[in-house]
Amino acid sequence: MSSQKMSKGDLTKQRILDVARNLFYKQGYDSTSTAQIAKESNISEAAMYKYFKGKSALLIASVEPTVLFERSKEEYVALSNKELATLWVNDLLDKVFANRPQFTILFTEAVRHPEISEQYISHVYKHSNGDLEIVKRMDAGLIPKTDLILFQVGMIGSILAMVQHLYIYNEDMCFEKIPPAIHSIILQLVEGELIK
């Protein structure tokens, strides 16, 4: 929904969510107060509760990923295994990179707040058409079988750790897209696992 079509209330709700997500991402859920979220959103704490029932509702909303372009099934079907792996990795990297705060919050807070994992699994996570094509080829014996969800979680964790590692050594680094070194390493790992 573009900001021109959003109502004032929708814009306020989105601003609150953006502020909360940024604070949870940077300082953690437990270190973020509703008073701080409200203050940085330029509203009263009481007004914030009009949009979100509480801090835990904000936490759950904060892990919902930004909607990204989804390729059609047909775009994956005609590809060789290597082409499929490459496109699948590129799509996953784009998704993770565009949603770094959401994935970081999910990975760091899920131990103490399992409700965000439950929300993510039941309402947010869905197999992409690329995932479905890989599973289909696994079932047909064309690609080695692996637990695709666990494989993705491992890759997401690796991507987040590598980006954080680069940031530690160069805080001025601007991440507008996935760094080429990370892209290359992840692609090599996936091709090594899926293309044998």
N, C-alpha and C. Protein backbone atom coordinates (compact mmCIF):
# COMPACT_ATOMS: atom_id res chain seq x y z
N MET A 1 0.85 -1.17 0.00
CA MET A 1 0.00 0.00 0.00
C MET A 1 0.90 1.23 0.00
N SER A 2 0.71 2.13 -0.95
CA SER A 2 1.54 3.32 -1.00
C SER A 2 1.11 4.29 0.08
N SER A 3 2.04 5.18 0.47
CA SER A 3 1.73 6.13 1.53
C SER A 3 0.63 7.09 1.12
N GLN A 4 0.42 7.31 -0.21
CA GLN A 4 -0.65 8.18 -0.68
C GLN A 4 -2.02 7.57 -0.41
N LYS A 5 -2.12 6.25 -0.40
CA LYS A 5 -3.39 5.58 -0.21
C LYS A 5 -3.64 5.20 1.25
N MET A 6 -2.61 5.35 2.09
CA MET A 6 -2.75 4.98 3.50
C MET A 6 -3.42 6.12 4.27
N SER A 7 -4.30 5.75 5.18
CA SER A 7 -4.95 6.75 6.03
C SER A 7 -3.95 7.26 7.06
N LYS A 8 -4.30 8.32 7.74
CA LYS A 8 -3.44 8.86 8.79
C LYS A 8 -3.20 7.81 9.87
N GLY A 9 -4.25 7.07 10.22
CA GLY A 9 -4.12 6.00 11.21
C GLY A 9 -3.19 4.89 10.75
N ASP A 10 -3.30 4.52 9.47
CA ASP A 10 -2.41 3.49 8.92
C ASP A 10 -0.96 3.95 8.95
N LEU A 11 -0.75 5.22 8.62
CA LEU A 11 0.61 5.76 8.64
C LEU A 11 1.17 5.77 10.06
N THR A 12 0.34 6.13 11.02
CA THR A 12 0.77 6.14 12.43
C THR A 12 1.11 4.73 12.88
N LYS A 13 0.26 3.77 12.55
CA LYS A 13 0.51 2.38 12.93
C LYS A 13 1.81 1.88 12.32
N GLN A 14 2.04 2.21 11.04
CA GLN A 14 3.27 1.79 10.39
C GLN A 14 4.49 2.46 11.02
N ARG A 15 4.38 3.74 11.37
CA ARG A 15 5.49 4.44 12.01
C ARG A 15 5.83 3.78 13.35
N ILE A 16 4.81 3.45 14.14
CA ILE A 16 5.03 2.77 15.43
C ILE A 16 5.75 1.45 15.20
N LEU A 17 5.27 0.68 14.24
CA LEU A 17 5.89 -0.62 13.95
C LEU A 17 7.33 -0.45 13.49
N ASP A 18 7.58 0.51 12.61
CA ASP A 18 8.95 0.75 12.13
C ASP A 18 9.89 1.12 13.28
N VAL A 19 9.42 1.99 14.16
CA VAL A 19 10.23 2.40 15.31
C VAL A 19 10.49 1.21 16.22
N ALA A 20 9.44 0.46 16.54
CA ALA A 20 9.59 -0.70 17.43
C ALA A 20 10.54 -1.72 16.82
N ARG A 21 10.37 -2.01 15.55
CA ARG A 21 11.24 -3.00 14.88
C ARG A 21 12.70 -2.54 14.96
N ASN A 22 12.95 -1.28 14.69
CA ASN A 22 14.31 -0.75 14.72
C ASN A 22 14.90 -0.84 16.13
N LEU A 23 14.11 -0.51 17.13
CA LEU A 23 14.59 -0.58 18.52
C LEU A 23 14.83 -2.02 18.96
N PHE A 24 13.90 -2.92 18.64
CA PHE A 24 14.08 -4.33 18.99
C PHE A 24 15.34 -4.88 18.30
N TYR A 25 15.56 -4.47 17.06
CA TYR A 25 16.71 -4.92 16.27
C TYR A 25 18.01 -4.42 16.88
N LYS A 26 18.04 -3.14 17.26
CA LYS A 26 19.28 -2.54 17.72
C LYS A 26 19.58 -2.77 19.20
N GLN A 27 18.55 -2.79 20.05
CA GLN A 27 18.84 -2.90 21.48
C GLN A 27 18.14 -4.07 22.16
N GLY A 28 17.33 -4.82 21.44
CA GLY A 28 16.66 -5.98 22.01
C GLY A 28 15.30 -5.63 22.59
N TYR A 29 14.47 -6.66 22.68
CA TYR A 29 13.10 -6.49 23.17
C TYR A 29 13.08 -6.04 24.63
N ASP A 30 13.82 -6.73 25.49
CA ASP A 30 13.77 -6.44 26.92
C ASP A 30 14.33 -5.06 27.26
N SER A 31 15.22 -4.55 26.44
CA SER A 31 15.82 -3.23 26.69
C SER A 31 15.02 -2.09 26.07
N THR A 32 13.92 -2.42 25.42
CA THR A 32 13.08 -1.41 24.77
C THR A 32 11.79 -1.25 25.56
N SER A 33 11.45 -0.04 25.91
CA SER A 33 10.21 0.20 26.65
C SER A 33 9.14 0.75 25.71
N THR A 34 7.89 0.56 26.11
CA THR A 34 6.80 1.12 25.31
C THR A 34 6.86 2.65 25.34
N ALA A 35 7.35 3.22 26.44
CA ALA A 35 7.49 4.68 26.51
C ALA A 35 8.50 5.17 25.47
N GLN A 36 9.58 4.43 25.28
CA GLN A 36 10.59 4.80 24.28
C GLN A 36 10.02 4.68 22.87
N ILE A 37 9.28 3.61 22.63
CA ILE A 37 8.66 3.42 21.30
C ILE A 37 7.71 4.58 21.02
N ALA A 38 6.87 4.90 21.97
CA ALA A 38 5.90 5.99 21.79
C ALA A 38 6.61 7.31 21.56
N LYS A 39 7.60 7.60 22.38
CA LYS A 39 8.33 8.87 22.25
C LYS A 39 8.96 9.00 20.88
N GLU A 40 9.64 7.94 20.41
CA GLU A 40 10.31 8.00 19.10
C GLU A 40 9.30 7.96 17.95
N SER A 41 8.08 7.55 18.24
CA SER A 41 7.01 7.56 17.21
C SER A 41 6.24 8.87 17.22
N ASN A 42 6.60 9.77 18.15
CA ASN A 42 5.94 11.08 18.28
C ASN A 42 4.46 10.98 18.62
N ILE A 43 4.15 10.02 19.50
CA ILE A 43 2.77 9.88 20.00
C ILE A 43 2.83 9.58 21.48
N SER A 44 1.69 9.66 22.13
CA SER A 44 1.65 9.30 23.54
C SER A 44 1.62 7.78 23.67
N GLU A 45 2.03 7.30 24.83
CA GLU A 45 2.00 5.86 25.07
C GLU A 45 0.57 5.34 25.02
N ALA A 46 -0.38 6.13 25.53
CA ALA A 46 -1.80 5.73 25.49
C ALA A 46 -2.28 5.60 24.05
N ALA A 47 -1.87 6.53 23.19
CA ALA A 47 -2.28 6.48 21.78
C ALA A 47 -1.69 5.25 21.08
N MET A 48 -0.50 4.85 21.49
CA MET A 48 0.14 3.67 20.88
C MET A 48 -0.71 2.43 21.09
N TYR A 49 -1.34 2.34 22.29
CA TYR A 49 -2.16 1.16 22.60
C TYR A 49 -3.44 1.10 21.76
N LYS A 50 -3.76 2.17 21.09
CA LYS A 50 -4.89 2.16 20.16
C LYS A 50 -4.56 1.28 18.96
N TYR A 51 -3.29 1.21 18.62
CA TYR A 51 -2.85 0.48 17.43
C TYR A 51 -2.31 -0.92 17.75
N PHE A 52 -1.68 -1.06 18.91
CA PHE A 52 -1.11 -2.35 19.31
C PHE A 52 -1.50 -2.60 20.77
N LYS A 53 -1.97 -3.80 21.08
CA LYS A 53 -2.45 -4.11 22.43
C LYS A 53 -1.35 -4.05 23.47
N GLY A 54 -0.12 -4.20 23.04
CA GLY A 54 0.98 -4.16 23.99
C GLY A 54 2.30 -4.39 23.29
N LYS A 55 3.32 -4.44 24.08
CA LYS A 55 4.67 -4.62 23.55
C LYS A 55 4.83 -5.96 22.86
N SER A 56 4.21 -7.01 23.41
CA SER A 56 4.33 -8.34 22.78
C SER A 56 3.65 -8.37 21.42
N ALA A 57 2.56 -7.63 21.25
CA ALA A 57 1.91 -7.54 19.93
C ALA A 57 2.83 -6.84 18.94
N LEU A 58 3.57 -5.86 19.41
CA LEU A 58 4.55 -5.19 18.55
C LEU A 58 5.68 -6.15 18.18
N LEU A 59 6.11 -6.96 19.13
CA LEU A 59 7.17 -7.93 18.85
C LEU A 59 6.73 -8.90 17.76
N ILE A 60 5.52 -9.42 17.89
CA ILE A 60 5.01 -10.37 16.89
C ILE A 60 4.91 -9.70 15.52
N ALA A 61 4.39 -8.48 15.48
CA ALA A 61 4.27 -7.77 14.21
C ALA A 61 5.64 -7.43 13.62
N SER A 62 6.63 -7.23 14.48
CA SER A 62 7.95 -6.79 14.01
C SER A 62 8.71 -7.86 13.24
N VAL A 63 8.33 -9.14 13.37
CA VAL A 63 9.06 -10.19 12.64
C VAL A 63 8.44 -10.50 11.28
N GLU A 64 7.32 -9.88 10.98
CA GLU A 64 6.70 -10.14 9.67
C GLU A 64 7.57 -9.52 8.58
N PRO A 65 8.00 -10.35 7.61
CA PRO A 65 8.89 -9.83 6.58
C PRO A 65 8.19 -8.89 5.61
N THR A 66 9.01 -8.06 4.99
CA THR A 66 8.52 -7.20 3.92
C THR A 66 8.15 -8.11 2.75
N VAL A 67 7.04 -7.84 2.12
CA VAL A 67 6.62 -8.67 0.99
C VAL A 67 7.57 -8.41 -0.18
N LEU A 68 8.09 -9.48 -0.73
CA LEU A 68 8.99 -9.36 -1.87
C LEU A 68 8.36 -10.05 -3.07
N PHE A 69 8.87 -9.73 -4.20
CA PHE A 69 8.42 -10.32 -5.46
C PHE A 69 8.55 -11.84 -5.40
N GLU A 70 7.52 -12.54 -5.82
CA GLU A 70 7.52 -14.01 -5.86
C GLU A 70 7.53 -14.46 -7.31
N ARG A 71 8.47 -15.27 -7.66
CA ARG A 71 8.54 -15.80 -9.03
C ARG A 71 7.47 -16.87 -9.23
N SER A 72 7.04 -17.02 -10.45
CA SER A 72 6.04 -18.04 -10.77
C SER A 72 6.69 -19.42 -10.78
N LYS A 73 5.88 -20.45 -10.63
CA LYS A 73 6.37 -21.83 -10.68
C LYS A 73 7.10 -22.11 -11.99
N GLU A 74 6.56 -21.57 -13.06
CA GLU A 74 7.12 -21.82 -14.39
C GLU A 74 8.55 -21.32 -14.52
N GLU A 75 8.89 -20.27 -13.79
CA GLU A 75 10.24 -19.72 -13.89
C GLU A 75 11.29 -20.68 -13.34
N TYR A 76 10.87 -21.60 -12.47
CA TYR A 76 11.81 -22.55 -11.87
C TYR A 76 11.83 -23.90 -12.60
N VAL A 77 10.72 -24.30 -13.16
CA VAL A 77 10.57 -25.66 -13.70
C VAL A 77 11.58 -25.98 -14.80
N ALA A 78 11.80 -25.06 -15.72
CA ALA A 78 12.65 -25.35 -16.88
C ALA A 78 14.15 -25.24 -16.59
N LEU A 79 14.52 -24.87 -15.38
CA LEU A 79 15.93 -24.65 -15.05
C LEU A 79 16.66 -25.95 -14.74
N SER A 80 17.97 -25.97 -15.05
CA SER A 80 18.80 -27.10 -14.63
C SER A 80 18.93 -27.01 -13.10
N ASN A 81 19.43 -28.08 -12.50
CA ASN A 81 19.61 -28.06 -11.05
C ASN A 81 20.53 -26.92 -10.62
N LYS A 82 21.61 -26.69 -11.35
CA LYS A 82 22.54 -25.62 -11.01
C LYS A 82 21.87 -24.25 -11.15
N GLU A 83 21.11 -24.05 -12.24
CA GLU A 83 20.40 -22.77 -12.43
C GLU A 83 19.34 -22.57 -11.34
N LEU A 84 18.66 -23.66 -10.98
CA LEU A 84 17.65 -23.59 -9.93
C LEU A 84 18.31 -23.20 -8.60
N ALA A 85 19.42 -23.84 -8.27
CA ALA A 85 20.12 -23.53 -7.02
C ALA A 85 20.57 -22.07 -7.00
N THR A 86 21.10 -21.59 -8.12
CA THR A 86 21.58 -20.21 -8.20
C THR A 86 20.44 -19.22 -8.03
N LEU A 87 19.33 -19.44 -8.73
CA LEU A 87 18.20 -18.53 -8.63
C LEU A 87 17.58 -18.59 -7.24
N TRP A 88 17.48 -19.79 -6.68
CA TRP A 88 16.93 -19.97 -5.34
C TRP A 88 17.77 -19.23 -4.31
N VAL A 89 19.09 -19.35 -4.42
CA VAL A 89 19.99 -18.64 -3.50
C VAL A 89 19.82 -17.14 -3.65
N ASN A 90 19.80 -16.66 -4.89
CA ASN A 90 19.64 -15.22 -5.12
C ASN A 90 18.34 -14.70 -4.50
N ASP A 91 17.26 -15.45 -4.68
CA ASP A 91 15.97 -15.03 -4.11
C ASP A 91 16.01 -15.05 -2.58
N LEU A 92 16.63 -16.09 -2.00
CA LEU A 92 16.73 -16.17 -0.54
C LEU A 92 17.60 -15.04 0.01
N LEU A 93 18.72 -14.78 -0.65
CA LEU A 93 19.59 -13.69 -0.21
C LEU A 93 18.85 -12.36 -0.25
N ASP A 94 18.10 -12.11 -1.32
CA ASP A 94 17.33 -10.87 -1.42
C ASP A 94 16.32 -10.77 -0.28
N LYS A 95 15.64 -11.87 -0.01
CA LYS A 95 14.63 -11.89 1.06
C LYS A 95 15.25 -11.63 2.42
N VAL A 96 16.34 -12.34 2.71
CA VAL A 96 17.00 -12.18 4.01
C VAL A 96 17.58 -10.78 4.14
N PHE A 97 18.23 -10.32 3.10
CA PHE A 97 18.88 -9.01 3.17
C PHE A 97 17.85 -7.90 3.36
N ALA A 98 16.73 -8.00 2.65
CA ALA A 98 15.68 -6.97 2.78
C ALA A 98 14.98 -7.03 4.13
N ASN A 99 15.09 -8.16 4.81
CA ASN A 99 14.40 -8.37 6.09
C ASN A 99 15.37 -8.69 7.22
N ARG A 100 16.57 -8.13 7.17
CA ARG A 100 17.57 -8.40 8.21
C ARG A 100 17.05 -8.11 9.61
N PRO A 101 16.40 -6.96 9.85
CA PRO A 101 15.92 -6.71 11.22
C PRO A 101 14.92 -7.77 11.68
N GLN A 102 14.00 -8.16 10.79
CA GLN A 102 13.00 -9.15 11.17
C GLN A 102 13.64 -10.48 11.53
N PHE A 103 14.57 -10.95 10.68
CA PHE A 103 15.21 -12.24 10.96
C PHE A 103 16.09 -12.16 12.20
N THR A 104 16.77 -11.04 12.40
CA THR A 104 17.61 -10.88 13.59
C THR A 104 16.75 -10.92 14.85
N ILE A 105 15.64 -10.20 14.83
CA ILE A 105 14.72 -10.21 15.98
C ILE A 105 14.21 -11.63 16.22
N LEU A 106 13.80 -12.28 15.17
CA LEU A 106 13.27 -13.65 15.29
C LEU A 106 14.32 -14.58 15.90
N PHE A 107 15.55 -14.53 15.40
CA PHE A 107 16.60 -15.42 15.87
C PHE A 107 17.03 -15.10 17.31
N THR A 108 17.08 -13.81 17.67
CA THR A 108 17.58 -13.46 19.00
C THR A 108 16.51 -13.51 20.08
N GLU A 109 15.26 -13.27 19.73
CA GLU A 109 14.21 -13.18 20.75
C GLU A 109 13.36 -14.44 20.89
N ALA A 110 13.43 -15.35 19.93
CA ALA A 110 12.55 -16.52 19.95
C ALA A 110 12.77 -17.42 21.16
N VAL A 111 13.98 -17.46 21.70
CA VAL A 111 14.27 -18.30 22.86
C VAL A 111 13.46 -17.82 24.06
N ARG A 112 13.41 -16.50 24.25
CA ARG A 112 12.69 -15.94 25.40
C ARG A 112 11.22 -15.68 25.10
N HIS A 113 10.88 -15.62 23.82
CA HIS A 113 9.51 -15.29 23.42
C HIS A 113 9.07 -16.25 22.30
N PRO A 114 8.76 -17.49 22.67
CA PRO A 114 8.42 -18.50 21.65
C PRO A 114 7.20 -18.14 20.82
N GLU A 115 6.38 -17.22 21.30
CA GLU A 115 5.19 -16.83 20.53
C GLU A 115 5.56 -16.23 19.18
N ILE A 116 6.74 -15.62 19.07
CA ILE A 116 7.09 -15.06 17.75
C ILE A 116 7.45 -16.17 16.78
N SER A 117 8.04 -17.26 17.28
CA SER A 117 8.31 -18.40 16.41
C SER A 117 7.01 -19.03 15.94
N GLU A 118 6.07 -19.18 16.86
CA GLU A 118 4.78 -19.76 16.52
C GLU A 118 4.06 -18.90 15.48
N GLN A 119 4.10 -17.60 15.67
CA GLN A 119 3.48 -16.66 14.72
C GLN A 119 4.15 -16.79 13.36
N TYR A 120 5.47 -16.83 13.36
CA TYR A 120 6.21 -16.91 12.12
C TYR A 120 5.88 -18.19 11.36
N ILE A 121 5.89 -19.30 12.07
CA ILE A 121 5.64 -20.60 11.43
C ILE A 121 4.20 -20.72 10.94
N SER A 122 3.24 -20.28 11.75
CA SER A 122 1.84 -20.49 11.38
C SER A 122 1.27 -19.44 10.44
N HIS A 123 1.79 -18.22 10.47
CA HIS A 123 1.17 -17.16 9.67
C HIS A 123 2.07 -16.51 8.64
N VAL A 124 3.37 -16.62 8.80
CA VAL A 124 4.26 -15.87 7.93
C VAL A 124 5.03 -16.77 6.97
N TYR A 125 5.67 -17.82 7.51
CA TYR A 125 6.52 -18.66 6.67
C TYR A 125 5.68 -19.48 5.70
N LYS A 126 6.01 -19.38 4.45
CA LYS A 126 5.36 -20.19 3.42
C LYS A 126 6.45 -20.62 2.44
N HIS A 127 6.31 -21.83 1.92
CA HIS A 127 7.25 -22.27 0.89
C HIS A 127 7.12 -21.38 -0.33
N SER A 128 8.25 -20.94 -0.86
CA SER A 128 8.25 -20.20 -2.12
C SER A 128 8.11 -21.20 -3.25
N ASN A 129 7.85 -20.70 -4.44
CA ASN A 129 7.77 -21.59 -5.60
C ASN A 129 9.13 -22.25 -5.87
N GLY A 130 10.22 -21.55 -5.55
CA GLY A 130 11.55 -22.15 -5.66
C GLY A 130 11.72 -23.30 -4.68
N ASP A 131 11.26 -23.11 -3.44
CA ASP A 131 11.31 -24.17 -2.43
C ASP A 131 10.55 -25.40 -2.94
N LEU A 132 9.35 -25.16 -3.46
CA LEU A 132 8.51 -26.26 -3.92
C LEU A 132 9.17 -27.03 -5.07
N GLU A 133 9.84 -26.34 -5.97
CA GLU A 133 10.53 -27.01 -7.08
C GLU A 133 11.70 -27.83 -6.55
N ILE A 134 12.42 -27.31 -5.58
CA ILE A 134 13.54 -28.07 -5.01
C ILE A 134 13.02 -29.32 -4.31
N VAL A 135 11.95 -29.19 -3.52
CA VAL A 135 11.37 -30.35 -2.83
C VAL A 135 10.88 -31.38 -3.86
N LYS A 136 10.26 -30.92 -4.92
CA LYS A 136 9.78 -31.83 -5.98
C LYS A 136 10.95 -32.62 -6.58
N ARG A 137 12.07 -31.93 -6.82
CA ARG A 137 13.24 -32.62 -7.38
C ARG A 137 13.88 -33.55 -6.35
N MET A 138 13.84 -33.18 -5.08
CA MET A 138 14.34 -34.08 -4.04
C MET A 138 13.51 -35.36 -4.01
N ASP A 139 12.18 -35.18 -4.05
CA ASP A 139 11.28 -36.34 -4.02
C ASP A 139 11.48 -37.24 -5.23
N ALA A 140 11.85 -36.64 -6.37
CA ALA A 140 12.09 -37.41 -7.59
C ALA A 140 13.50 -37.99 -7.65
N GLY A 141 14.33 -37.69 -6.66
CA GLY A 141 15.70 -38.20 -6.63
C GLY A 141 16.66 -37.42 -7.51
N LEU A 142 16.26 -36.25 -7.98
CA LEU A 142 17.11 -35.45 -8.87
C LEU A 142 18.08 -34.55 -8.11
N ILE A 143 17.76 -34.29 -6.87
CA ILE A 143 18.60 -33.49 -5.98
C ILE A 143 18.67 -34.27 -4.67
N PRO A 144 19.86 -34.29 -4.03
CA PRO A 144 19.96 -35.01 -2.75
C PRO A 144 18.97 -34.48 -1.73
N LYS A 145 18.35 -35.40 -0.99
CA LYS A 145 17.37 -35.00 0.04
C LYS A 145 18.07 -34.31 1.20
N THR A 146 17.43 -33.26 1.67
CA THR A 146 17.89 -32.55 2.85
C THR A 146 16.67 -31.89 3.49
N ASP A 147 16.76 -31.55 4.74
CA ASP A 147 15.69 -30.83 5.42
C ASP A 147 15.79 -29.38 4.95
N LEU A 148 14.95 -29.00 4.00
CA LEU A 148 15.05 -27.69 3.35
C LEU A 148 14.86 -26.54 4.33
N ILE A 149 13.93 -26.68 5.28
CA ILE A 149 13.70 -25.59 6.24
C ILE A 149 14.93 -25.42 7.14
N LEU A 150 15.47 -26.52 7.63
CA LEU A 150 16.67 -26.44 8.46
C LEU A 150 17.84 -25.89 7.66
N PHE A 151 17.93 -26.27 6.41
CA PHE A 151 18.98 -25.78 5.52
C PHE A 151 18.86 -24.26 5.36
N GLN A 152 17.62 -23.78 5.16
CA GLN A 152 17.40 -22.34 5.03
C GLN A 152 17.74 -21.61 6.32
N VAL A 153 17.34 -22.16 7.46
CA VAL A 153 17.63 -21.54 8.74
C VAL A 153 19.15 -21.41 8.92
N GLY A 154 19.87 -22.45 8.56
CA GLY A 154 21.33 -22.41 8.63
C GLY A 154 21.91 -21.32 7.75
N MET A 155 21.36 -21.20 6.55
CA MET A 155 21.85 -20.16 5.64
C MET A 155 21.50 -18.77 6.15
N ILE A 156 20.27 -18.60 6.65
CA ILE A 156 19.86 -17.29 7.17
C ILE A 156 20.76 -16.89 8.34
N GLY A 157 20.98 -17.82 9.26
CA GLY A 157 21.87 -17.53 10.39
C GLY A 157 23.28 -17.18 9.92
N SER A 158 23.77 -17.91 8.93
CA SER A 158 25.11 -17.64 8.38
C SER A 158 25.17 -16.26 7.74
N ILE A 159 24.15 -15.93 6.97
CA ILE A 159 24.12 -14.62 6.30
C ILE A 159 24.13 -13.50 7.34
N LEU A 160 23.27 -13.61 8.34
CA LEU A 160 23.21 -12.58 9.38
C LEU A 160 24.54 -12.46 10.11
N ALA A 161 25.16 -13.59 10.42
CA ALA A 161 26.44 -13.56 11.13
C ALA A 161 27.53 -12.94 10.25
N MET A 162 27.55 -13.26 8.97
CA MET A 162 28.57 -12.70 8.08
C MET A 162 28.40 -11.20 7.90
N VAL A 163 27.15 -10.75 7.74
CA VAL A 163 26.89 -9.31 7.61
C VAL A 163 27.33 -8.60 8.89
N GLN A 164 27.00 -9.18 10.05
CA GLN A 164 27.40 -8.57 11.32
C GLN A 164 28.91 -8.54 11.45
N HIS A 165 29.57 -9.59 11.02
CA HIS A 165 31.03 -9.65 11.05
C HIS A 165 31.63 -8.51 10.23
N LEU A 166 31.12 -8.30 9.02
CA LEU A 166 31.62 -7.22 8.18
C LEU A 166 31.38 -5.86 8.84
N TYR A 167 30.21 -5.71 9.46
CA TYR A 167 29.86 -4.45 10.11
C TYR A 167 30.77 -4.17 11.31
N ILE A 168 31.14 -5.21 12.07
CA ILE A 168 32.02 -5.04 13.22
C ILE A 168 33.34 -4.42 12.80
N TYR A 169 33.86 -4.87 11.66
CA TYR A 169 35.16 -4.39 11.21
C TYR A 169 35.09 -3.11 10.39
N ASN A 170 33.88 -2.72 9.98
CA ASN A 170 33.74 -1.49 9.21
C ASN A 170 32.34 -0.93 9.43
N GLU A 171 32.18 -0.17 10.52
CA GLU A 171 30.87 0.38 10.88
C GLU A 171 30.34 1.36 9.86
N ASP A 172 31.21 1.90 9.02
CA ASP A 172 30.78 2.85 7.99
C ASP A 172 30.24 2.15 6.74
N MET A 173 30.38 0.82 6.71
CA MET A 173 29.94 0.07 5.54
C MET A 173 28.44 0.23 5.36
N CYS A 174 28.04 0.59 4.17
CA CYS A 174 26.62 0.75 3.85
C CYS A 174 26.16 -0.50 3.09
N PHE A 175 25.19 -1.19 3.65
CA PHE A 175 24.71 -2.42 3.04
C PHE A 175 23.43 -2.14 2.26
N GLU A 176 23.56 -1.74 1.02
CA GLU A 176 22.38 -1.55 0.17
C GLU A 176 22.01 -2.85 -0.53
N LYS A 177 22.98 -3.72 -0.67
CA LYS A 177 22.73 -5.05 -1.24
C LYS A 177 23.69 -6.02 -0.58
N ILE A 178 23.43 -7.28 -0.77
CA ILE A 178 24.26 -8.29 -0.13
C ILE A 178 25.70 -8.17 -0.64
N PRO A 179 26.68 -8.12 0.25
CA PRO A 179 28.07 -8.02 -0.20
C PRO A 179 28.45 -9.20 -1.09
N PRO A 180 29.20 -8.95 -2.16
CA PRO A 180 29.56 -10.03 -3.11
C PRO A 180 30.26 -11.22 -2.46
N ALA A 181 31.11 -10.99 -1.47
CA ALA A 181 31.80 -12.10 -0.82
C ALA A 181 30.82 -13.04 -0.13
N ILE A 182 29.81 -12.49 0.53
CA ILE A 182 28.80 -13.31 1.20
C ILE A 182 27.98 -14.06 0.16
N HIS A 183 27.59 -13.37 -0.89
CA HIS A 183 26.82 -14.01 -1.97
C HIS A 183 27.58 -15.21 -2.52
N SER A 184 28.85 -15.03 -2.79
CA SER A 184 29.67 -16.10 -3.38
C SER A 184 29.79 -17.29 -2.43
N ILE A 185 30.03 -17.03 -1.15
CA ILE A 185 30.18 -18.12 -0.18
C ILE A 185 28.90 -18.92 -0.04
N ILE A 186 27.77 -18.23 0.09
CA ILE A 186 26.48 -18.92 0.24
C ILE A 186 26.18 -19.74 -1.01
N LEU A 187 26.41 -19.17 -2.18
CA LEU A 187 26.16 -19.90 -3.43
C LEU A 187 27.02 -21.16 -3.50
N GLN A 188 28.28 -21.06 -3.13
CA GLN A 188 29.16 -22.23 -3.15
C GLN A 188 28.66 -23.30 -2.18
N LEU A 189 28.21 -22.89 -1.00
CA LEU A 189 27.71 -23.85 -0.01
C LEU A 189 26.46 -24.57 -0.53
N VAL A 190 25.54 -23.82 -1.11
CA VAL A 190 24.29 -24.42 -1.59
C VAL A 190 24.57 -25.33 -2.78
N GLU A 191 25.37 -24.88 -3.70
CA GLU A 191 25.67 -25.73 -4.86
C GLU A 191 26.38 -27.01 -4.42
N GLY A 192 27.20 -26.90 -3.40
CA GLY A 192 27.89 -28.10 -2.90
C GLY A 192 26.93 -29.10 -2.28
N GLU A 193 25.85 -28.59 -1.68
CA GLU A 193 24.88 -29.47 -1.04
C GLU A 193 23.82 -29.98 -2.01
N LEU A 194 23.32 -29.10 -2.86
CA LEU A 194 22.20 -29.50 -3.74
C LEU A 194 22.66 -30.04 -5.10
N ILE A 195 23.85 -29.68 -5.52
CA ILE A 195 24.31 -30.12 -6.83
C ILE A 195 25.52 -31.03 -6.62
N LYS A 196 25.26 -32.32 -6.63
CA LYS A 196 26.35 -33.29 -6.41
C LYS A 196 26.52 -34.17 -7.63
